[in-house]
Amino acid sequence: MTKEEIFEKIQSVLVDSFELDPSCVVPTAHLMDDLDLDSIDAIDLAVAIERETSLDISEEELRSLRIVQDAVDLIERRLAEA
């Protein structure tokens, strides 16, 4: 899976799960400040990503996600390890 495909999956999850405007979901968007996600939303995002990618995201990894690109990089790294 390419970075672009991973980004598209994450963008789709964010748009569908949190009713966000797709134009707001860019790699540099801050999950909390720009997209208004809270800690509960972050857990929901992790669950959705796990469902889409069949990866388990640890609590530590979840806490490290600040911007959309962080999620893309995490998934890319984890898929490469698998």
C-alpha atoms as a PDB file:
ATOM      1  CA  MET A   1       0.000   0.000   0.000  1.00  0.00           C
ATOM      2  CA  THR A   2       1.426   3.380  -1.006  1.00  0.00           C
ATOM      3  CA  LYS A   3       1.501   6.499   1.176  1.00  0.00           C
ATOM      4  CA  GLU A   4      -1.182   8.007  -1.051  1.00  0.00           C
ATOM      5  CA  GLU A   5      -3.443   4.965  -0.589  1.00  0.00           C
ATOM      6  CA  ILE A   6      -2.891   5.072   3.167  1.00  0.00           C
ATOM      7  CA  PHE A   7      -3.695   8.792   3.250  1.00  0.00           C
ATOM      8  CA  GLU A   8      -6.866   8.201   1.233  1.00  0.00           C
ATOM      9  CA  LYS A   9      -7.996   5.500   3.696  1.00  0.00           C
ATOM     10  CA  ILE A  10      -7.344   7.756   6.678  1.00  0.00           C
ATOM     11  CA  GLN A  11      -9.040  10.687   4.970  1.00  0.00           C
ATOM     12  CA  SER A  12     -12.053   8.498   4.226  1.00  0.00           C
ATOM     13  CA  VAL A  13     -12.232   7.300   7.839  1.00  0.00           C
ATOM     14  CA  LEU A  14     -12.034  10.864   9.170  1.00  0.00           C
ATOM     15  CA  VAL A  15     -14.622  12.194   6.728  1.00  0.00           C
ATOM     16  CA  ASP A  16     -17.064   9.317   7.260  1.00  0.00           C
ATOM     17  CA  SER A  17     -16.635   8.871  11.013  1.00  0.00           C
ATOM     18  CA  PHE A  18     -16.450  12.503  12.066  1.00  0.00           C
ATOM     19  CA  GLU A  19     -18.386  14.227   9.272  1.00  0.00           C
ATOM     20  CA  LEU A  20     -15.399  16.360   8.294  1.00  0.00           C
ATOM     21  CA  ASP A  21     -15.031  18.289   5.058  1.00  0.00           C
ATOM     22  CA  PRO A  22     -12.565  16.324   2.887  1.00  0.00           C
ATOM     23  CA  SER A  23     -10.752  19.557   1.995  1.00  0.00           C
ATOM     24  CA  CYS A  24      -9.858  20.002   5.687  1.00  0.00           C
ATOM     25  CA  VAL A  25      -8.290  16.564   5.990  1.00  0.00           C
ATOM     26  CA  VAL A  26      -4.800  17.241   4.673  1.00  0.00           C
ATOM     27  CA  PRO A  27      -1.504  15.657   5.780  1.00  0.00           C
ATOM     28  CA  THR A  28      -0.559  18.688   7.872  1.00  0.00           C
ATOM     29  CA  ALA A  29      -3.932  18.984   9.643  1.00  0.00           C
ATOM     30  CA  HIS A  30      -3.578  18.732  13.409  1.00  0.00           C
ATOM     31  CA  LEU A  31      -6.027  16.124  14.677  1.00  0.00           C
ATOM     32  CA  MET A  32      -7.135  18.086  17.726  1.00  0.00           C
ATOM     33  CA  ASP A  33      -6.547  21.726  16.815  1.00  0.00           C
ATOM     34  CA  ASP A  34      -7.584  21.690  13.149  1.00  0.00           C
ATOM     35  CA  LEU A  35     -10.034  18.769  13.016  1.00  0.00           C
ATOM     36  CA  ASP A  36     -11.473  19.227  16.534  1.00  0.00           C
ATOM     37  CA  LEU A  37     -10.990  15.603  17.571  1.00  0.00           C
ATOM     38  CA  ASP A  38     -10.920  14.881  21.282  1.00  0.00           C
ATOM     39  CA  SER A  39      -9.448  11.918  23.148  1.00  0.00           C
ATOM     40  CA  ILE A  40     -12.574   9.790  22.621  1.00  0.00           C
ATOM     41  CA  ASP A  41     -12.494  10.617  18.908  1.00  0.00           C
ATOM     42  CA  ALA A  42      -8.841   9.560  18.811  1.00  0.00           C
ATOM     43  CA  ILE A  43      -9.789   6.146  20.176  1.00  0.00           C
ATOM     44  CA  ASP A  44     -12.577   5.875  17.599  1.00  0.00           C
ATOM     45  CA  LEU A  45     -10.059   6.815  14.898  1.00  0.00           C
ATOM     46  CA  ALA A  46      -7.636   4.130  16.087  1.00  0.00           C
ATOM     47  CA  VAL A  47     -10.386   1.507  16.040  1.00  0.00           C
ATOM     48  CA  ALA A  48     -11.415   2.541  12.524  1.00  0.00           C
ATOM     49  CA  ILE A  49      -7.800   2.438  11.316  1.00  0.00           C
ATOM     50  CA  GLU A  50      -7.328  -0.977  12.911  1.00  0.00           C
ATOM     51  CA  ARG A  51     -10.470  -2.208  11.153  1.00  0.00           C
ATOM     52  CA  GLU A  52      -9.332  -0.818   7.781  1.00  0.00           C
ATOM     53  CA  THR A  53      -5.731  -2.071   7.986  1.00  0.00           C
ATOM     54  CA  SER A  54      -5.921  -5.152  10.251  1.00  0.00           C
ATOM     55  CA  LEU A  55      -3.197  -3.606  12.425  1.00  0.00           C
ATOM     56  CA  ASP A  56      -3.235  -3.235  16.206  1.00  0.00           C
ATOM     57  CA  ILE A  57      -2.386   0.290  17.336  1.00  0.00           C
ATOM     58  CA  SER A  58      -0.935   0.547  20.818  1.00  0.00           C
ATOM     59  CA  GLU A  59      -1.898   3.246  23.276  1.00  0.00           C
ATOM     60  CA  GLU A  60       1.625   4.666  23.013  1.00  0.00           C
ATOM     61  CA  GLU A  61       1.362   4.837  19.208  1.00  0.00           C
ATOM     62  CA  LEU A  62      -2.041   6.471  19.484  1.00  0.00           C
ATOM     63  CA  ARG A  63      -0.663   9.148  21.804  1.00  0.00           C
ATOM     64  CA  SER A  64       2.101   9.926  19.304  1.00  0.00           C
ATOM     65  CA  LEU A  65      -0.362  10.926  16.572  1.00  0.00           C
ATOM     66  CA  ARG A  66      -0.553  14.695  16.287  1.00  0.00           C
ATOM     67  CA  ILE A  67      -1.220  15.357  12.603  1.00  0.00           C
ATOM     68  CA  VAL A  68      -2.776  13.291   9.826  1.00  0.00           C
ATOM     69  CA  GLN A  69       0.681  12.567   8.373  1.00  0.00           C
ATOM     70  CA  ASP A  70       1.694  10.935  11.672  1.00  0.00           C
ATOM     71  CA  ALA A  71      -1.070   8.372  11.146  1.00  0.00           C
ATOM     72  CA  VAL A  72       0.016   7.793   7.538  1.00  0.00           C
ATOM     73  CA  ASP A  73       3.638   7.297   8.620  1.00  0.00           C
ATOM     74  CA  LEU A  74       2.636   4.933  11.438  1.00  0.00           C
ATOM     75  CA  ILE A  75       0.567   2.731   9.159  1.00  0.00           C
ATOM     76  CA  GLU A  76       3.221   2.726   6.450  1.00  0.00           C
ATOM     77  CA  ARG A  77       5.889   1.710   8.991  1.00  0.00           C
ATOM     78  CA  ARG A  78       3.712  -0.984  10.557  1.00  0.00           C
ATOM     79  CA  LEU A  79       2.727  -2.454   7.177  1.00  0.00           C
ATOM     80  CA  ALA A  80       6.401  -2.580   6.164  1.00  0.00           C
ATOM     81  CA  GLU A  81       7.195  -4.492   9.358  1.00  0.00           C
ATOM     82  CA  ALA A  82       4.438  -7.040   8.746  1.00  0.00           C
END
